Amino acid sequence: MPVTLTSSAFGDGDLMPQRFTCDGENLPPPLTWSAGPDGTRSFALTMEDLDARAGTFMHWVLYDIPSHATQWPGSWSGKTMLNGFGRSYGGPCPPSGDGPHRYAFRVYAVSVRHLAITGDPIAALRSALATHTIASGQLVGRYER
């Protein structure tokens, strides 16, 4: 059973409002997701640029989100990981003239409360999610400078 991921700021495949990009307030957009299937112990959220010149670029990672959570922002605590910019969130910021880039927001229903992340954090996260994801959902926004 997939997890449905939506945003009140934009629809799947739509342009993202400038507010959530490096040209605006550089804030994560509001997100809402459906409950995970039986066995969900936590959630993880990621945002990646699928069209980055050097390959997929990680913009945002939240993990160990409590299983009762269904939205961002929320009144829960989780863990964040430094992204490719070296901070917790970095909004869409494609090179000028590069055309529209696609930004995939993904939610993962995870079978453990805490993901063990050691070594290279992004590689360790991908490995842990490959092992412990029981359902997922995706929302894609686009942005062009």
Protein backbone atom coordinates (compact mmCIF):
# COMPACT_ATOMS: atom_id res chain seq x y z
CA MET A 1 0.00 0.00 0.00
CA PRO A 2 1.57 3.32 -1.04
CA VAL A 3 1.72 6.35 1.22
CA THR A 4 0.07 9.41 -0.35
CA LEU A 5 2.18 12.58 -0.19
CA THR A 6 0.68 16.01 -0.99
CA SER A 7 1.38 19.69 -0.46
CA SER A 8 -1.04 22.59 -0.09
CA ALA A 9 1.57 24.75 -1.90
CA PHE A 10 1.73 22.87 -5.24
CA GLY A 11 0.42 19.77 -6.99
CA ASP A 12 2.35 16.81 -8.34
CA GLY A 13 4.33 17.93 -11.39
CA ASP A 14 3.52 21.62 -10.84
CA LEU A 15 5.90 24.54 -10.44
CA MET A 16 6.96 25.15 -6.84
CA PRO A 17 6.26 28.63 -5.44
CA GLN A 18 9.39 30.78 -5.23
CA ARG A 19 8.94 31.08 -1.45
CA PHE A 20 10.27 27.51 -1.00
CA THR A 21 13.37 28.04 -3.17
CA CYS A 22 16.77 29.69 -2.83
CA ASP A 23 15.27 32.72 -4.60
CA GLY A 24 12.63 33.11 -1.87
CA GLU A 25 12.48 32.29 1.82
CA ASN A 26 14.21 28.93 1.31
CA LEU A 27 11.70 27.11 3.53
CA PRO A 28 10.49 23.52 3.19
CA PRO A 29 6.96 23.46 1.77
CA PRO A 30 4.04 22.18 3.84
CA LEU A 31 3.61 18.43 3.32
CA THR A 32 0.91 15.98 4.36
CA TRP A 33 1.04 12.20 4.08
CA SER A 34 -1.32 9.34 4.76
CA ALA A 35 -0.84 6.86 7.58
CA GLY A 36 1.62 4.08 6.92
CA PRO A 37 0.61 0.44 6.68
CA ASP A 38 0.64 -1.93 9.64
CA GLY A 39 4.18 -2.30 10.89
CA THR A 40 5.12 1.37 10.35
CA ARG A 41 7.35 2.42 13.25
CA SER A 42 8.62 5.73 11.83
CA PHE A 43 8.78 7.84 8.68
CA ALA A 44 11.56 9.47 6.69
CA LEU A 45 11.29 12.42 4.28
CA THR A 46 13.73 13.34 1.53
CA MET A 47 13.92 15.90 -1.27
CA GLU A 48 16.25 15.37 -4.22
CA ASP A 49 16.97 17.25 -7.45
CA LEU A 50 16.50 14.60 -10.13
CA ASP A 51 18.07 16.79 -12.84
CA ALA A 52 21.25 18.01 -11.15
CA ARG A 53 24.20 18.14 -13.54
CA ALA A 54 26.37 15.88 -11.36
CA GLY A 55 23.59 13.36 -10.70
CA THR A 56 20.88 13.29 -8.06
CA PHE A 57 21.45 15.99 -5.42
CA MET A 58 20.06 15.68 -1.88
CA HIS A 59 18.33 18.86 -0.66
CA TRP A 60 16.60 17.66 2.52
CA VAL A 61 16.51 14.65 4.84
CA LEU A 62 14.38 14.05 7.91
CA TYR A 63 14.23 10.63 9.51
CA ASP A 64 13.12 8.90 12.71
CA ILE A 65 9.84 10.83 12.40
CA PRO A 66 7.29 9.29 14.80
CA SER A 67 4.79 6.90 13.22
CA HIS A 68 1.82 9.04 14.32
CA ALA A 69 3.06 12.07 12.33
CA THR A 70 1.22 12.95 9.11
CA GLN A 71 2.47 16.42 8.23
CA TRP A 72 5.36 18.84 7.99
CA PRO A 73 5.68 21.07 9.83
CA GLY A 74 4.48 19.17 12.84
CA SER A 75 4.67 19.08 16.61
CA TRP A 76 6.98 16.08 16.64
CA SER A 77 10.71 15.60 16.76
CA GLY A 78 12.83 13.64 14.35
CA LYS A 79 16.38 13.79 13.11
CA THR A 80 17.79 15.81 10.26
CA MET A 81 20.84 15.18 8.14
CA LEU A 82 23.10 17.67 6.42
CA ASN A 83 22.29 17.92 2.73
CA GLY A 84 24.54 18.53 -0.26
CA PHE A 85 24.75 22.22 0.73
CA GLY A 86 25.95 21.31 4.24
CA ARG A 87 22.77 22.42 6.01
CA SER A 88 19.42 20.87 6.90
CA TYR A 89 17.27 22.27 4.05
CA GLY A 90 18.27 23.84 0.78
CA GLY A 91 15.45 24.76 -1.55
CA PRO A 92 15.45 24.32 -5.30
CA CYS A 93 18.28 26.35 -6.81
CA PRO A 94 19.07 25.12 -10.33
CA PRO A 95 21.62 27.01 -12.40
CA SER A 96 20.11 29.92 -14.35
CA GLY A 97 19.25 28.92 -17.88
CA ASP A 98 19.38 25.21 -17.07
CA GLY A 99 15.67 24.72 -17.68
CA PRO A 100 13.22 23.31 -15.17
CA HIS A 101 14.53 20.80 -12.65
CA ARG A 102 12.36 18.17 -10.98
CA TYR A 103 12.44 17.95 -7.18
CA ALA A 104 11.21 14.66 -5.74
CA PHE A 105 9.81 14.76 -2.23
CA ARG A 106 9.56 11.23 -0.89
CA VAL A 107 8.03 9.86 2.27
CA TYR A 108 9.04 6.42 3.50
CA ALA A 109 7.10 4.27 5.99
CA VAL A 110 9.86 2.56 7.95
CA SER A 111 9.69 -0.72 9.89
CA VAL A 112 12.01 0.47 12.72
CA ARG A 113 11.77 3.46 15.07
CA HIS A 114 15.38 4.52 14.58
CA LEU A 115 17.54 4.12 11.49
CA ALA A 116 21.17 3.27 12.17
CA ILE A 117 23.18 5.84 10.21
CA THR A 118 26.97 5.50 10.33
CA GLY A 119 29.75 6.38 7.93
CA ASP A 120 28.75 8.31 4.79
CA PRO A 121 25.35 9.61 5.93
CA ILE A 122 23.57 9.72 2.55
CA ALA A 123 24.84 6.27 1.54
CA ALA A 124 23.96 4.89 4.99
CA LEU A 125 20.49 6.43 4.76
CA ARG A 126 19.88 4.91 1.33
CA SER A 127 21.03 1.51 2.60
CA ALA A 128 18.87 1.71 5.73
CA LEU A 129 15.83 2.77 3.72
CA ALA A 130 16.39 -0.03 1.21
CA THR A 131 16.31 -2.49 4.11
CA HIS A 132 13.50 -1.01 6.23
CA THR A 133 11.02 0.72 3.88
CA ILE A 134 7.62 -0.97 3.81
CA ALA A 135 5.77 1.67 1.76
CA SER A 136 6.54 5.02 0.17
CA GLY A 137 5.05 7.93 -1.71
CA GLN A 138 6.33 10.72 -3.90
CA LEU A 139 5.43 14.27 -4.87
CA VAL A 140 7.38 16.06 -7.62
CA GLY A 141 7.66 19.82 -7.89
CA ARG A 142 9.46 21.71 -10.63
CA TYR A 143 11.49 24.93 -10.50
CA GLU A 144 13.40 26.98 -13.05
CA ARG A 145 15.54 30.10 -12.70
